[in-house]
PDB file of N, CA and C in Angstrom:
ATOM      1  N   GLU A   1     -11.967 189.184  55.768  1.00  0.00           N
ATOM      2  CA  GLU A   1     -11.296 187.965  55.369  1.00  0.00           C
ATOM      3  C   GLU A   1     -11.408 187.700  53.870  1.00  0.00           C
ATOM      4  N   TYR A   2     -12.141 188.545  53.150  1.00  0.00           N
ATOM      5  CA  TYR A   2     -12.296 188.375  51.703  1.00  0.00           C
ATOM      6  C   TYR A   2     -11.536 189.414  50.891  1.00  0.00           C
ATOM      7  N   LEU A   3     -11.267 190.561  51.486  1.00  0.00           N
ATOM      8  CA  LEU A   3     -10.498 191.607  50.821  1.00  0.00           C
ATOM      9  C   LEU A   3      -9.186 191.814  51.560  1.00  0.00           C
ATOM     10  N   THR A   4      -8.190 192.303  50.863  1.00  0.00           N
ATOM     11  CA  THR A   4      -6.897 192.558  51.499  1.00  0.00           C
ATOM     12  C   THR A   4      -6.878 193.896  52.228  1.00  0.00           C
ATOM     13  N   PHE A   5      -7.983 194.613  52.177  1.00  0.00           N
ATOM     14  CA  PHE A   5      -8.116 195.884  52.891  1.00  0.00           C
ATOM     15  C   PHE A   5      -9.526 195.941  53.466  1.00  0.00           C
ATOM     16  N   ASN A   6      -9.698 196.720  54.515  1.00  0.00           N
ATOM     17  CA  ASN A   6     -11.029 196.865  55.111  1.00  0.00           C
ATOM     18  C   ASN A   6     -11.114 198.203  55.829  1.00  0.00           C
ATOM     19  N   PRO A   7     -12.334 198.654  56.069  1.00  0.00           N
ATOM     20  CA  PRO A   7     -12.474 199.932  56.775  1.00  0.00           C
ATOM     21  C   PRO A   7     -12.074 199.779  58.241  1.00  0.00           C
ATOM     22  N   GLN A   8     -11.360 200.743  58.750  1.00  0.00           N
ATOM     23  CA  GLN A   8     -11.017 200.781  60.170  1.00  0.00           C
ATOM     24  C   GLN A   8     -11.980 201.755  60.838  1.00  0.00           C
ATOM     25  N   VAL A   9     -12.839 201.232  61.677  1.00  0.00           N
ATOM     26  CA  VAL A   9     -13.843 202.076  62.326  1.00  0.00           C
ATOM     27  C   VAL A   9     -13.780 201.882  63.835  1.00  0.00           C
ATOM     28  N   PRO A  10     -14.140 202.884  64.595  1.00  0.00           N
ATOM     29  CA  PRO A  10     -14.169 202.736  66.051  1.00  0.00           C
ATOM     30  C   PRO A  10     -15.305 201.804  66.459  1.00  0.00           C
ATOM     31  N   ILE A  11     -15.151 201.173  67.593  1.00  0.00           N
ATOM     32  CA  ILE A  11     -16.220 200.322  68.125  1.00  0.00           C
ATOM     33  C   ILE A  11     -17.289 201.240  68.695  1.00  0.00           C
ATOM     34  N   LEU A  12     -18.448 201.209  68.083  1.00  0.00           N
ATOM     35  CA  LEU A  12     -19.543 202.083  68.497  1.00  0.00           C
ATOM     36  C   LEU A  12     -20.617 201.337  69.275  1.00  0.00           C
ATOM     37  N   SER A  13     -20.704 200.025  69.046  1.00  0.00           N
ATOM     38  CA  SER A  13     -21.678 199.208  69.770  1.00  0.00           C
ATOM     39  C   SER A  13     -21.305 197.746  69.582  1.00  0.00           C
ATOM     40  N   ASP A  14     -22.075 196.879  70.223  1.00  0.00           N
ATOM     41  CA  ASP A  14     -21.862 195.440  70.068  1.00  0.00           C
ATOM     42  C   ASP A  14     -22.526 194.898  68.808  1.00  0.00           C
ATOM     43  N   LEU A  15     -23.278 195.737  68.131  1.00  0.00           N
ATOM     44  CA  LEU A  15     -23.993 195.308  66.931  1.00  0.00           C
ATOM     45  C   LEU A  15     -23.060 195.324  65.722  1.00  0.00           C
ATOM     46  N   PRO A  16     -23.275 194.419  64.779  1.00  0.00           N
ATOM     47  CA  PRO A  16     -22.402 194.383  63.604  1.00  0.00           C
ATOM     48  C   PRO A  16     -22.652 195.563  62.667  1.00  0.00           C
ATOM     49  N   MET A  17     -21.653 195.894  61.880  1.00  0.00           N
ATOM     50  CA  MET A  17     -21.792 196.923  60.863  1.00  0.00           C
ATOM     51  C   MET A  17     -22.815 196.436  59.836  1.00  0.00           C
ATOM     52  N   VAL A  18     -23.701 197.306  59.415  1.00  0.00           N
ATOM     53  CA  VAL A  18     -24.751 196.929  58.467  1.00  0.00           C
ATOM     54  C   VAL A  18     -24.311 197.207  57.034  1.00  0.00           C
ATOM     55  N   VAL A  19     -23.761 198.376  56.801  1.00  0.00           N
ATOM     56  CA  VAL A  19     -23.340 198.780  55.459  1.00  0.00           C
ATOM     57  C   VAL A  19     -22.044 199.573  55.582  1.00  0.00           C
ATOM     58  N   TYR A  20     -21.152 199.396  54.616  1.00  0.00           N
ATOM     59  CA  TYR A  20     -19.993 200.283  54.558  1.00  0.00           C
ATOM     60  C   TYR A  20     -19.728 200.634  53.098  1.00  0.00           C
ATOM     61  N   LEU A  21     -19.084 201.751  52.900  1.00  0.00           N
ATOM     62  CA  LEU A  21     -18.656 202.191  51.575  1.00  0.00           C
ATOM     63  C   LEU A  21     -17.264 202.784  51.725  1.00  0.00           C
ATOM     64  N   MET A  22     -16.335 202.294  50.924  1.00  0.00           N
ATOM     65  CA  MET A  22     -14.969 202.781  50.994  1.00  0.00           C
ATOM     66  C   MET A  22     -14.484 203.051  49.575  1.00  0.00           C
ATOM     67  N   GLN A  23     -13.844 204.184  49.380  1.00  0.00           N
ATOM     68  CA  GLN A  23     -13.337 204.542  48.061  1.00  0.00           C
ATOM     69  C   GLN A  23     -11.899 205.029  48.189  1.00  0.00           C
ATOM     70  N   ILE A  24     -11.049 204.503  47.323  1.00  0.00           N
ATOM     71  CA  ILE A  24      -9.635 204.860  47.316  1.00  0.00           C
ATOM     72  C   ILE A  24      -9.278 205.292  45.895  1.00  0.00           C
ATOM     73  N   THR A  25      -8.661 206.442  45.749  1.00  0.00           N
ATOM     74  CA  THR A  25      -8.144 206.874  44.456  1.00  0.00           C
ATOM     75  C   THR A  25      -6.659 207.128  44.629  1.00  0.00           C
ATOM     76  N   GLN A  26      -5.864 206.523  43.730  1.00  0.00           N
ATOM     77  CA  GLN A  26      -4.411 206.605  43.898  1.00  0.00           C
ATOM     78  C   GLN A  26      -3.724 206.541  42.536  1.00  0.00           C
ATOM     79  N   PRO A  27      -2.690 207.357  42.334  1.00  0.00           N
ATOM     80  CA  PRO A  27      -1.882 207.209  41.120  1.00  0.00           C
ATOM     81  C   PRO A  27      -1.126 205.881  41.173  1.00  0.00           C
ATOM     82  N   ILE A  28      -0.968 205.261  40.022  1.00  0.00           N
ATOM     83  CA  ILE A  28      -0.191 204.024  39.927  1.00  0.00           C
ATOM     84  C   ILE A  28       1.211 204.336  39.420  1.00  0.00           C
ATOM     85  N   ASP A  29       1.267 205.193  38.425  1.00  0.00           N
ATOM     86  CA  ASP A  29       2.537 205.654  37.873  1.00  0.00           C
ATOM     87  C   ASP A  29       2.298 207.032  37.255  1.00  0.00           C
ATOM     88  N   SER A  30       3.192 207.465  36.379  1.00  0.00           N
ATOM     89  CA  SER A  30       3.054 208.816  35.833  1.00  0.00           C
ATOM     90  C   SER A  30       1.870 208.959  34.880  1.00  0.00           C
ATOM     91  N   LEU A  31       1.340 207.853  34.357  1.00  0.00           N
ATOM     92  CA  LEU A  31       0.199 207.911  33.434  1.00  0.00           C
ATOM     93  C   LEU A  31      -1.114 207.446  34.052  1.00  0.00           C
ATOM     94  N   TRP A  32      -1.063 206.361  34.786  1.00  0.00           N
ATOM     95  CA  TRP A  32      -2.278 205.668  35.213  1.00  0.00           C
ATOM     96  C   TRP A  32      -2.620 205.942  36.673  1.00  0.00           C
ATOM     97  N   SER A  33      -3.922 205.955  36.953  1.00  0.00           N
ATOM     98  CA  SER A  33      -4.445 206.038  38.324  1.00  0.00           C
ATOM     99  C   SER A  33      -5.524 204.981  38.475  1.00  0.00           C
ATOM    100  N   VAL A  34      -5.895 204.713  39.709  1.00  0.00           N
ATOM    101  CA  VAL A  34      -6.944 203.732  39.972  1.00  0.00           C
ATOM    102  C   VAL A  34      -7.916 204.292  40.994  1.00  0.00           C
ATOM    103  N   ASN A  35      -9.163 203.946  40.818  1.00  0.00           N
ATOM    104  CA  ASN A  35     -10.209 204.239  41.792  1.00  0.00           C
ATOM    105  C   ASN A  35     -10.795 202.885  42.208  1.00  0.00           C
ATOM    106  N   ILE A  36     -10.671 202.554  43.486  1.00  0.00           N
ATOM    107  CA  ILE A  36     -11.198 201.293  44.012  1.00  0.00           C
ATOM    108  C   ILE A  36     -12.355 201.628  44.936  1.00  0.00           C
ATOM    109  N   THR A  37     -13.508 201.046  44.656  1.00  0.00           N
ATOM    110  CA  THR A  37     -14.684 201.228  45.499  1.00  0.00           C
ATOM    111  C   THR A  37     -15.086 199.871  46.045  1.00  0.00           C
ATOM    112  N   SER A  38     -15.282 199.813  47.342  1.00  0.00           N
ATOM    113  CA  SER A  38     -15.737 198.591  47.995  1.00  0.00           C
ATOM    114  C   SER A  38     -16.950 198.934  48.842  1.00  0.00           C
ATOM    115  N   LYS A  39     -17.961 198.101  48.734  1.00  0.00           N
ATOM    116  CA  LYS A  39     -19.171 198.326  49.515  1.00  0.00           C
ATOM    117  C   LYS A  39     -19.692 196.984  50.005  1.00  0.00           C
ATOM    118  N   GLY A  40     -19.979 196.928  51.281  1.00  0.00           N
ATOM    119  CA  GLY A  40     -20.602 195.748  51.864  1.00  0.00           C
ATOM    120  C   GLY A  40     -22.040 196.076  52.208  1.00  0.00           C
ATOM    121  N   ILE A  41     -22.933 195.198  51.836  1.00  0.00           N
ATOM    122  CA  ILE A  41     -24.358 195.418  52.102  1.00  0.00           C
ATOM    123  C   ILE A  41     -24.976 194.141  52.643  1.00  0.00           C
ATOM    124  N   GLN A  42     -26.126 194.285  53.257  1.00  0.00           N
ATOM    125  CA  GLN A  42     -26.827 193.117  53.763  1.00  0.00           C
ATOM    126  C   GLN A  42     -27.216 192.221  52.599  1.00  0.00           C
ATOM    127  N   SER A  43     -27.022 190.940  52.791  1.00  0.00           N
ATOM    128  CA  SER A  43     -27.351 189.968  51.760  1.00  0.00           C
ATOM    129  C   SER A  43     -28.784 189.491  51.931  1.00  0.00           C
ATOM    130  N   PRO A  44     -29.436 189.144  50.836  1.00  0.00           N
ATOM    131  CA  PRO A  44     -30.761 188.537  50.968  1.00  0.00           C
ATOM    132  C   PRO A  44     -30.676 187.136  51.579  1.00  0.00           C
ATOM    133  N   LEU A  45     -29.472 186.549  51.590  1.00  0.00           N
ATOM    134  CA  LEU A  45     -29.274 185.228  52.180  1.00  0.00           C
ATOM    135  C   LEU A  45     -28.918 185.370  53.658  1.00  0.00           C
ATOM    136  N   VAL A  46     -29.475 184.529  54.479  1.00  0.00           N
ATOM    137  CA  VAL A  46     -29.217 184.562  55.918  1.00  0.00           C
ATOM    138  C   VAL A  46     -27.747 184.211  56.178  1.00  0.00           C
ATOM    139  N   ASN A  47     -27.138 184.905  57.130  1.00  0.00           N
ATOM    140  CA  ASN A  47     -25.745 184.679  57.533  1.00  0.00           C
ATOM    141  C   ASN A  47     -24.750 184.850  56.385  1.00  0.00           C
ATOM    142  N   ASN A  48     -25.037 185.764  55.483  1.00  0.00           N
ATOM    143  CA  ASN A  48     -24.148 186.062  54.365  1.00  0.00           C
ATOM    144  C   ASN A  48     -23.992 187.566  54.233  1.00  0.00           C
ATOM    145  N   LEU A  49     -22.968 187.967  53.509  1.00  0.00           N
ATOM    146  CA  LEU A  49     -22.721 189.373  53.220  1.00  0.00           C
ATOM    147  C   LEU A  49     -22.557 189.518  51.720  1.00  0.00           C
ATOM    148  N   SER A  50     -23.165 190.522  51.164  1.00  0.00           N
ATOM    149  CA  SER A  50     -22.947 190.843  49.751  1.00  0.00           C
ATOM    150  C   SER A  50     -21.859 191.903  49.678  1.00  0.00           C
ATOM    151  N   LEU A  51     -20.988 191.774  48.703  1.00  0.00           N
ATOM    152  CA  LEU A  51     -19.838 192.654  48.599  1.00  0.00           C
ATOM    153  C   LEU A  51     -19.687 193.138  47.166  1.00  0.00           C
ATOM    154  N   LEU A  52     -19.458 194.430  47.018  1.00  0.00           N
ATOM    155  CA  LEU A  52     -19.166 195.023  45.717  1.00  0.00           C
ATOM    156  C   LEU A  52     -17.714 195.466  45.723  1.00  0.00           C
ATOM    157  N   LEU A  53     -16.992 195.108  44.683  1.00  0.00           N
ATOM    158  CA  LEU A  53     -15.621 195.577  44.505  1.00  0.00           C
ATOM    159  C   LEU A  53     -15.512 196.081  43.075  1.00  0.00           C
ATOM    160  N   ASP A  54     -15.270 197.371  42.925  1.00  0.00           N
ATOM    161  CA  ASP A  54     -15.189 198.001  41.612  1.00  0.00           C
ATOM    162  C   ASP A  54     -13.806 198.615  41.454  1.00  0.00           C
ATOM    163  N   VAL A  55     -13.092 198.212  40.411  1.00  0.00           N
ATOM    164  CA  VAL A  55     -11.752 198.725  40.137  1.00  0.00           C
ATOM    165  C   VAL A  55     -11.795 199.473  38.807  1.00  0.00           C
ATOM    166  N   ASP A  56     -11.558 200.778  38.854  1.00  0.00           N
ATOM    167  CA  ASP A  56     -11.544 201.612  37.650  1.00  0.00           C
ATOM    168  C   ASP A  56     -10.137 202.155  37.442  1.00  0.00           C
ATOM    169  N   VAL A  57      -9.553 201.829  36.309  1.00  0.00           N
ATOM    170  CA  VAL A  57      -8.224 202.318  35.953  1.00  0.00           C
ATOM    171  C   VAL A  57      -8.403 203.405  34.900  1.00  0.00           C
ATOM    172  N   PHE A  58      -7.702 204.517  35.085  1.00  0.00           N
ATOM    173  CA  PHE A  58      -7.888 205.625  34.151  1.00  0.00           C
ATOM    174  C   PHE A  58      -6.616 206.454  34.026  1.00  0.00           C
ATOM    175  N   ARG A  59      -6.596 207.254  32.976  1.00  0.00           N
ATOM    176  CA  ARG A  59      -5.533 208.240  32.822  1.00  0.00           C
ATOM    177  C   ARG A  59      -6.134 209.511  32.257  1.00  0.00           C
ATOM    178  N   THR A  60      -5.517 210.622  32.604  1.00  0.00           N
ATOM    179  CA  THR A  60      -6.065 211.922  32.201  1.00  0.00           C
ATOM    180  C   THR A  60      -5.098 212.724  31.336  1.00  0.00           C
ATOM    181  N   LYS A  61      -3.963 212.119  30.991  1.00  0.00           N
ATOM    182  CA  LYS A  61      -3.011 212.819  30.124  1.00  0.00           C
ATOM    183  C   LYS A  61      -2.407 211.826  29.141  1.00  0.00           C
ATOM    184  N   ASP A  62      -1.821 212.359  28.090  1.00  0.00           N
ATOM    185  CA  ASP A  62      -1.216 211.535  27.036  1.00  0.00           C
ATOM    186  C   ASP A  62      -2.189 210.484  26.510  1.00  0.00           C
ATOM    187  N   ILE A  63      -3.417 210.910  26.231  1.00  0.00           N
ATOM    188  CA  ILE A  63      -4.438 210.009  25.693  1.00  0.00           C
ATOM    189  C   ILE A  63      -4.131 209.776  24.212  1.00  0.00           C
ATOM    190  N   PRO A  64      -4.002 208.525  23.783  1.00  0.00           N
ATOM    191  CA  PRO A  64      -3.741 208.260  22.370  1.00  0.00           C
ATOM    192  C   PRO A  64      -4.893 208.749  21.490  1.00  0.00           C
ATOM    193  N   LEU A  65      -4.563 209.223  20.298  1.00  0.00           N
ATOM    194  CA  LEU A  65      -5.577 209.745  19.386  1.00  0.00           C
ATOM    195  C   LEU A  65      -5.920 208.772  18.262  1.00  0.00           C
ATOM    196  N   SER A  66      -5.059 207.809  18.011  1.00  0.00           N
ATOM    197  CA  SER A  66      -5.332 206.845  16.941  1.00  0.00           C
ATOM    198  C   SER A  66      -6.095 205.644  17.490  1.00  0.00           C
ATOM    199  N   ASP A  67      -6.810 204.945  16.601  1.00  0.00           N
ATOM    200  CA  ASP A  67      -7.519 203.732  17.018  1.00  0.00           C
ATOM    201  C   ASP A  67      -6.552 202.717  17.608  1.00  0.00           C
ATOM    202  N   GLU A  68      -5.433 202.520  16.938  1.00  0.00           N
ATOM    203  CA  GLU A  68      -4.448 201.550  17.411  1.00  0.00           C
ATOM    204  C   GLU A  68      -3.919 201.942  18.792  1.00  0.00           C
ATOM    205  N   GLY A  69      -3.605 203.208  18.964  1.00  0.00           N
ATOM    206  CA  GLY A  69      -3.118 203.683  20.256  1.00  0.00           C
ATOM    207  C   GLY A  69      -4.149 203.552  21.358  1.00  0.00           C
ATOM    208  N   LEU A  70      -5.416 203.831  21.013  1.00  0.00           N
ATOM    209  CA  LEU A  70      -6.491 203.687  22.006  1.00  0.00           C
ATOM    210  C   LEU A  70      -6.644 202.235  22.441  1.00  0.00           C
ATOM    211  N   TRP A  71      -6.612 201.308  21.472  1.00  0.00           N
ATOM    212  CA  TRP A  71      -6.750 199.896  21.832  1.00  0.00           C
ATOM    213  C   TRP A  71      -5.568 199.417  22.669  1.00  0.00           C
ATOM    214  N   GLU A  72      -4.377 199.900  22.367  1.00  0.00           N
ATOM    215  CA  GLU A  72      -3.217 199.557  23.197  1.00  0.00           C
ATOM    216  C   GLU A  72      -3.416 200.066  24.624  1.00  0.00           C
ATOM    217  N   ALA A  73      -3.925 201.285  24.768  1.00  0.00           N
ATOM    218  CA  ALA A  73      -4.177 201.848  26.101  1.00  0.00           C
ATOM    219  C   ALA A  73      -5.264 201.058  26.826  1.00  0.00           C
ATOM    220  N   ILE A  74      -6.319 200.676  26.107  1.00  0.00           N
ATOM    221  CA  ILE A  74      -7.392 199.884  26.716  1.00  0.00           C
ATOM    222  C   ILE A  74      -6.851 198.545  27.200  1.00  0.00           C
ATOM    223  N   ASN A  75      -6.043 197.886  26.384  1.00  0.00           N
ATOM    224  CA  ASN A  75      -5.472 196.600  26.793  1.00  0.00           C
ATOM    225  C   ASN A  75      -4.524 196.757  27.975  1.00  0.00           C
ATOM    226  N   GLU A  76      -3.764 197.845  28.001  1.00  0.00           N
ATOM    227  CA  GLU A  76      -2.885 198.102  29.145  1.00  0.00           C
ATOM    228  C   GLU A  76      -3.712 198.358  30.407  1.00  0.00           C
ATOM    229  N   ALA A  77      -4.780 199.133  30.277  1.00  0.00           N
ATOM    230  CA  ALA A  77      -5.659 199.405  31.426  1.00  0.00           C
ATOM    231  C   ALA A  77      -6.278 198.111  31.942  1.00  0.00           C
ATOM    232  N   ARG A  78      -6.689 197.232  31.034  1.00  0.00           N
ATOM    233  CA  ARG A  78      -7.283 195.954  31.436  1.00  0.00           C
ATOM    234  C   ARG A  78      -6.282 195.116  32.228  1.00  0.00           C
ATOM    235  N   SER A  79      -5.050 195.078  31.767  1.00  0.00           N
ATOM    236  CA  SER A  79      -4.013 194.321  32.461  1.00  0.00           C
ATOM    237  C   SER A  79      -3.749 194.899  33.854  1.00  0.00           C
ATOM    238  N   ILE A  80      -3.668 196.212  33.951  1.00  0.00           N
ATOM    239  CA  ILE A  80      -3.472 196.875  35.246  1.00  0.00           C
ATOM    240  C   ILE A  80      -4.649 196.579  36.168  1.00  0.00           C
ATOM    241  N   LYS A  81      -5.873 196.684  35.639  1.00  0.00           N
ATOM    242  CA  LYS A  81      -7.087 196.430  36.433  1.00  0.00           C
ATOM    243  C   LYS A  81      -7.096 195.006  36.968  1.00  0.00           C
ATOM    244  N   ASN A  82      -6.751 194.030  36.125  1.00  0.00           N
ATOM    245  CA  ASN A  82      -6.741 192.637  36.568  1.00  0.00           C
ATOM    246  C   ASN A  82      -5.712 192.409  37.671  1.00  0.00           C
ATOM    247  N   ASP A  83      -4.547 193.033  37.546  1.00  0.00           N
ATOM    248  CA  ASP A  83      -3.508 192.910  38.567  1.00  0.00           C
ATOM    249  C   ASP A  83      -3.971 193.521  39.893  1.00  0.00           C
ATOM    250  N   ILE A  84      -4.596 194.687  39.827  1.00  0.00           N
ATOM    251  CA  ILE A  84      -5.084 195.345  41.042  1.00  0.00           C
ATOM    252  C   ILE A  84      -6.199 194.529  41.684  1.00  0.00           C
ATOM    253  N   PHE A  85      -7.129 194.018  40.869  1.00  0.00           N
ATOM    254  CA  PHE A  85      -8.209 193.185  41.404  1.00  0.00           C
ATOM    255  C   PHE A  85      -7.623 191.996  42.159  1.00  0.00           C
ATOM    256  N   ASP A  86      -6.638 191.336  41.562  1.00  0.00           N
ATOM    257  CA  ASP A  86      -6.008 190.182  42.194  1.00  0.00           C
ATOM    258  C   ASP A  86      -5.357 190.563  43.524  1.00  0.00           C
ATOM    259  N   LYS A  87      -4.791 191.761  43.600  1.00  0.00           N
ATOM    260  CA  LYS A  87      -4.161 192.221  44.844  1.00  0.00           C
ATOM    261  C   LYS A  87      -5.187 192.616  45.906  1.00  0.00           C
ATOM    262  N   CYS A  88      -6.425 192.875  45.501  1.00  0.00           N
ATOM    263  CA  CYS A  88      -7.467 193.311  46.434  1.00  0.00           C
ATOM    264  C   CYS A  88      -8.191 192.156  47.118  1.00  0.00           C
ATOM    265  N   ILE A  89      -8.112 190.951  46.544  1.00  0.00           N
ATOM    266  CA  ILE A  89      -8.866 189.832  47.113  1.00  0.00           C
ATOM    267  C   ILE A  89      -7.925 188.819  47.763  1.00  0.00           C
ATOM    268  N   THR A  90      -8.438 188.155  48.778  1.00  0.00           N
ATOM    269  CA  THR A  90      -7.654 187.163  49.511  1.00  0.00           C
ATOM    270  C   THR A  90      -7.736 185.804  48.822  1.00  0.00           C
ATOM    271  N   GLN A  91      -6.904 184.892  49.284  1.00  0.00           N
ATOM    272  CA  GLN A  91      -6.934 183.526  48.753  1.00  0.00           C
ATOM    273  C   GLN A  91      -8.306 182.893  48.988  1.00  0.00           C
ATOM    274  N   LYS A  92      -8.910 183.177  50.124  1.00  0.00           N
ATOM    275  CA  LYS A  92     -10.242 182.639  50.428  1.00  0.00           C
ATOM    276  C   LYS A  92     -11.259 183.095  49.380  1.00  0.00           C
ATOM    277  N   THR A  93     -11.166 184.329  48.955  1.00  0.00           N
ATOM    278  CA  THR A  93     -12.059 184.846  47.918  1.00  0.00           C
ATOM    279  C   THR A  93     -11.772 184.169  46.587  1.00  0.00           C
ATOM    280  N   LYS A  94     -10.507 184.030  46.246  1.00  0.00           N
ATOM    281  CA  LYS A  94     -10.141 183.381  44.983  1.00  0.00           C
ATOM    282  C   LYS A  94     -10.700 181.969  44.910  1.00  0.00           C
ATOM    283  N   GLU A  95     -10.705 181.263  46.026  1.00  0.00           N
ATOM    284  CA  GLU A  95     -11.216 179.890  46.044  1.00  0.00           C
ATOM    285  C   GLU A  95     -12.712 179.828  45.757  1.00  0.00           C
ATOM    286  N   LEU A  96     -13.425 180.927  45.986  1.00  0.00           N
ATOM    287  CA  LEU A  96     -14.856 180.958  45.671  1.00  0.00           C
ATOM    288  C   LEU A  96     -15.109 181.032  44.167  1.00  0.00           C
ATOM    289  N   PHE A  97     -14.149 181.572  43.415  1.00  0.00           N
ATOM    290  CA  PHE A  97     -14.353 181.830  41.990  1.00  0.00           C
ATOM    291  C   PHE A  97     -13.542 180.937  41.067  1.00  0.00           C
ATOM    292  N   TYR A  98     -12.371 180.499  41.520  1.00  0.00           N
ATOM    293  CA  TYR A  98     -11.486 179.747  40.617  1.00  0.00           C
ATOM    294  C   TYR A  98     -11.539 178.266  40.901  1.00  0.00           C
TER     295      TYR A  98
END
């Protein structure tokens, strides 16, 4: 209910899942790709879940060589990362932070 995606696992027992780790790597366009890692772990707080969501945007070709070009690429990557992060979380999650 906090992420727009979740692991699909078979029902193995009546006990809740303790830990999960999910990683997705996908091209976004001809230059950029994204690696999304999500991990749920037991929280130190009772009746809570701790969640890690890591969004890494990268490219492996046409890397700018000038300082100006690198900063433009960094700013573009930041914008892409923010858009992807927003698409990964639900409205319920947004209400916790905004």
